Amino acid sequence: MRRAGLLLLLLPFLSAAPAVAGVREFLEACAAEGADFTTLPARLTAAGWVEVAPDEGPRGPAIAQSVERRRLWSRPGWNGSRGDAFTGLATGRVPDTAHMVEVCWHGSRPGESGAAALAALRGRLPPAGPSDRGTAFFYGGRETWPTILGGETVFVEVSWPIVSQPETGAALLSLTRLAEAGEPQRRGAKGDGKAGDSPAREAGR
């Protein structure tokens, strides 16, 4: 029941949409500072984003929903027409694991399809190890891969509404930094570049 409810929250993002600047907004928010999210709130505010309650919009990827501290910013009419953009930041421990994570994510309506986002992000954030492809929110698809950003291994994820149709609908984009228990969460942790290290796989995917 809980996941069905979360799926309903994502329905506004599931309709087919023309390719626009969702990837650009994601990179500007989540990768502009080498995956250091310390300045994210100030940068979003300066760019005209408005912080809203975490439950007043989409909740992001499963791993972001699983941790205890979540923030959400909205930018209505972000592309000069009807539509919305949301950027989220989630921090905390993944339940039942030792993983401490920071997850920055972005969703735009309209926005690129999963296929378009994958092509764009693989060029800008190239894989540093094997990719992992699976399902998201029952019917959706996702692809996750490690990349090197700011000298450390982070995980990029693209998810889309229908697992067999990455070319349709608007994608949800996320970047996850991982720190083992006892390490400074803000600094993250350097991994060995293997997709199997992805905390997303341990967050109920």
Protein backbone atom coordinates (compact mmCIF):
# COMPACT_ATOMS: atom_id res chain seq x y z
CA MET A 1 0.00 0.00 0.00
CA ARG A 2 2.79 2.42 0.87
CA ARG A 3 4.57 1.95 -2.45
CA ALA A 4 1.29 2.22 -4.34
CA GLY A 5 0.78 5.60 -2.66
CA LEU A 6 4.27 6.70 -3.65
CA LEU A 7 3.55 5.70 -7.22
CA LEU A 8 0.51 7.97 -7.21
CA LEU A 9 2.71 10.87 -6.16
CA LEU A 10 4.85 10.29 -9.23
CA LEU A 11 1.96 10.14 -11.70
CA PRO A 12 2.39 13.77 -12.81
CA PHE A 13 5.80 12.74 -14.16
CA LEU A 14 4.60 9.66 -16.04
CA SER A 15 3.09 11.26 -19.12
CA ALA A 16 5.04 11.46 -22.35
CA ALA A 17 6.81 14.80 -22.75
CA PRO A 18 9.15 16.53 -25.20
CA ALA A 19 12.84 16.59 -24.33
CA VAL A 20 13.67 19.79 -22.45
CA ALA A 21 16.22 20.86 -19.89
CA GLY A 22 15.70 18.40 -17.03
CA VAL A 23 19.21 17.00 -17.41
CA ARG A 24 20.69 20.50 -17.39
CA GLU A 25 18.82 21.42 -14.22
CA PHE A 26 19.96 18.16 -12.58
CA LEU A 27 23.61 18.77 -13.42
CA GLU A 28 23.46 22.39 -12.24
CA ALA A 29 21.89 21.38 -8.94
CA CYS A 30 23.54 18.07 -8.12
CA ALA A 31 26.90 18.01 -9.91
CA ALA A 32 28.00 21.64 -10.20
CA GLU A 33 30.06 21.55 -7.01
CA GLY A 34 31.63 18.15 -7.52
CA ALA A 35 28.74 16.44 -5.69
CA ASP A 36 29.26 18.60 -2.62
CA PHE A 37 25.72 19.45 -1.57
CA THR A 38 26.69 21.91 1.18
CA THR A 39 25.84 24.92 -0.95
CA LEU A 40 22.77 23.39 -2.63
CA PRO A 41 20.09 25.20 -0.54
CA ALA A 42 21.72 28.60 -1.06
CA ARG A 43 22.26 28.00 -4.78
CA LEU A 44 18.65 26.92 -5.33
CA THR A 45 17.29 29.90 -3.40
CA ALA A 46 19.46 32.29 -5.43
CA ALA A 47 18.16 30.72 -8.63
CA GLY A 48 14.53 31.32 -7.67
CA TRP A 49 13.62 27.94 -6.22
CA VAL A 50 11.24 27.81 -3.25
CA GLU A 51 11.60 25.25 -0.46
CA VAL A 52 8.39 23.33 0.24
CA ALA A 53 7.43 20.53 2.61
CA PRO A 54 8.87 17.17 1.47
CA ASP A 55 5.37 15.74 1.04
CA GLU A 56 4.20 18.56 -1.26
CA GLY A 57 5.74 17.01 -4.35
CA PRO A 58 7.37 13.83 -5.65
CA ARG A 59 9.51 12.04 -3.07
CA GLY A 60 12.32 11.07 -5.39
CA PRO A 61 13.97 7.68 -5.88
CA ALA A 62 13.44 4.85 -3.40
CA ILE A 63 16.75 5.42 -1.62
CA ALA A 64 15.84 9.07 -0.97
CA GLN A 65 12.50 8.02 0.49
CA SER A 66 14.15 5.52 2.82
CA VAL A 67 16.24 7.98 4.87
CA GLU A 68 14.99 10.24 7.64
CA ARG A 69 16.03 13.74 6.55
CA ARG A 70 14.47 15.06 3.36
CA ARG A 71 14.22 18.54 1.82
CA LEU A 72 12.40 19.60 -1.35
CA TRP A 73 12.49 22.68 -3.56
CA SER A 74 9.98 23.63 -6.26
CA ARG A 75 10.18 25.92 -9.27
CA PRO A 76 6.73 26.25 -10.88
CA GLY A 77 6.73 27.35 -14.49
CA TRP A 78 10.48 26.72 -14.60
CA ASN A 79 10.67 26.59 -18.41
CA GLY A 80 8.50 29.64 -19.11
CA SER A 81 5.37 27.61 -19.67
CA ARG A 82 3.14 25.17 -17.82
CA GLY A 83 5.11 22.64 -15.86
CA ASP A 84 7.01 22.10 -12.67
CA ALA A 85 10.52 21.28 -11.57
CA PHE A 86 11.50 19.70 -8.26
CA THR A 87 14.91 19.18 -6.69
CA GLY A 88 15.32 17.14 -3.53
CA LEU A 89 18.06 16.41 -1.02
CA ALA A 90 17.89 13.42 1.32
CA THR A 91 20.48 12.48 3.95
CA GLY A 92 20.76 9.73 6.52
CA ARG A 93 21.23 6.02 7.06
CA VAL A 94 19.68 3.50 4.70
CA PRO A 95 17.48 1.30 6.91
CA ASP A 96 18.93 -2.08 7.93
CA THR A 97 22.36 -1.22 6.48
CA ALA A 98 25.51 0.58 7.59
CA HIS A 99 25.27 2.97 4.62
CA MET A 100 25.08 6.71 5.27
CA VAL A 101 24.02 8.52 2.12
CA GLU A 102 23.35 11.91 0.60
CA VAL A 103 20.99 11.83 -2.37
CA CYS A 104 20.42 14.80 -4.67
CA TRP A 105 17.65 14.25 -7.20
CA HIS A 106 15.70 16.16 -9.83
CA GLY A 107 12.47 15.74 -11.75
CA SER A 108 10.97 18.11 -14.33
CA ARG A 109 7.56 18.13 -15.95
CA PRO A 110 8.04 18.07 -18.90
CA GLY A 111 11.49 16.56 -19.00
CA GLU A 112 13.72 14.20 -20.93
CA SER A 113 12.72 10.58 -21.36
CA GLY A 114 14.80 7.91 -19.68
CA ALA A 115 16.49 7.09 -22.98
CA ALA A 116 17.41 10.73 -23.64
CA ALA A 117 18.60 11.24 -20.07
CA LEU A 118 20.73 8.10 -20.16
CA ALA A 119 22.46 9.22 -23.34
CA ALA A 120 23.10 12.72 -21.99
CA LEU A 121 24.29 11.69 -18.54
CA ARG A 122 26.51 8.88 -19.74
CA GLY A 123 28.34 11.51 -21.76
CA ARG A 124 28.62 14.00 -18.90
CA LEU A 125 29.05 11.51 -16.03
CA PRO A 126 30.66 8.48 -17.72
CA PRO A 127 30.50 5.06 -16.02
CA ALA A 128 33.50 4.11 -13.90
CA GLY A 129 32.30 0.50 -13.59
CA PRO A 130 29.45 -1.82 -14.60
CA SER A 131 25.89 -0.52 -14.77
CA ASP A 132 22.98 -2.13 -12.95
CA ARG A 133 19.54 -2.11 -14.62
CA GLY A 134 16.34 -3.13 -12.85
CA THR A 135 12.85 -2.04 -11.89
CA ALA A 136 11.64 1.03 -10.00
CA PHE A 137 8.25 1.46 -8.32
CA PHE A 138 6.92 -1.87 -9.62
CA TYR A 139 6.36 -0.94 -13.28
CA GLY A 140 9.16 1.50 -13.93
CA GLY A 141 12.72 0.94 -15.02
CA ARG A 142 16.04 2.30 -13.77
CA GLU A 143 19.72 2.21 -14.57
CA THR A 144 22.44 2.94 -12.01
CA TRP A 145 26.17 3.32 -12.56
CA PRO A 146 29.22 4.54 -10.62
CA THR A 147 31.11 7.59 -11.81
CA ILE A 148 33.98 9.67 -10.48
CA LEU A 149 33.02 13.19 -9.43
CA GLY A 150 35.16 15.49 -7.32
CA GLY A 151 37.71 12.70 -6.88
CA GLU A 152 35.29 10.19 -5.34
CA THR A 153 32.93 7.47 -6.51
CA VAL A 154 29.28 8.45 -6.60
CA PHE A 155 26.25 6.73 -8.14
CA VAL A 156 24.10 8.13 -10.93
CA GLU A 157 20.59 6.79 -11.42
CA VAL A 158 18.02 7.38 -14.15
CA SER A 159 14.51 5.99 -13.70
CA TRP A 160 11.52 6.07 -16.03
CA PRO A 161 7.81 5.14 -15.80
CA ILE A 162 7.54 1.92 -17.85
CA VAL A 163 10.41 -0.55 -17.61
CA SER A 164 10.23 -1.66 -21.26
CA GLN A 165 9.81 1.87 -22.65
CA PRO A 166 12.67 4.13 -21.55
CA GLU A 167 11.91 6.38 -24.51
CA THR A 168 8.54 7.48 -23.07
CA GLY A 169 7.61 9.60 -20.06
CA ALA A 170 9.79 11.94 -18.03
CA ALA A 171 12.85 10.62 -16.20
CA LEU A 172 13.74 11.01 -12.53
CA LEU A 173 17.46 11.68 -12.04
CA SER A 174 19.55 11.20 -8.92
CA LEU A 175 23.10 11.30 -7.62
CA THR A 176 24.04 9.37 -4.47
CA ARG A 177 27.11 9.81 -2.30
CA LEU A 178 28.00 7.07 0.14
CA ALA A 179 29.89 7.15 3.44
CA GLU A 180 30.44 4.12 5.65
CA ALA A 181 29.28 4.30 9.27
CA GLY A 182 31.60 6.46 11.32
CA GLU A 183 32.93 8.48 8.37
CA PRO A 184 32.03 12.15 7.83
CA GLN A 185 28.88 11.98 5.75
CA ARG A 186 29.52 15.30 4.03
CA ARG A 187 32.80 14.06 2.58
CA GLY A 188 31.43 10.79 1.26
CA ALA A 189 33.58 7.74 0.66
CA LYS A 190 35.71 6.54 -2.19
CA GLY A 191 34.49 3.21 -3.56
CA ASP A 192 36.06 0.73 -5.93
CA GLY A 193 33.80 1.60 -8.85
CA LYS A 194 31.69 -1.56 -8.80
CA ALA A 195 27.96 -1.28 -9.41
CA GLY A 196 27.42 -3.76 -6.61
CA ASP A 197 28.46 -1.06 -4.14
CA SER A 198 25.32 0.95 -4.97
CA PRO A 199 23.25 1.57 -1.83
CA ALA A 200 20.15 1.86 -4.04
CA ARG A 201 20.08 -1.92 -4.36
CA GLU A 202 19.78 -2.18 -0.58
CA ALA A 203 16.99 0.38 -0.30
CA GLY A 204 14.16 -1.81 -1.48
CA ARG A 205 14.66 -1.68 -5.23
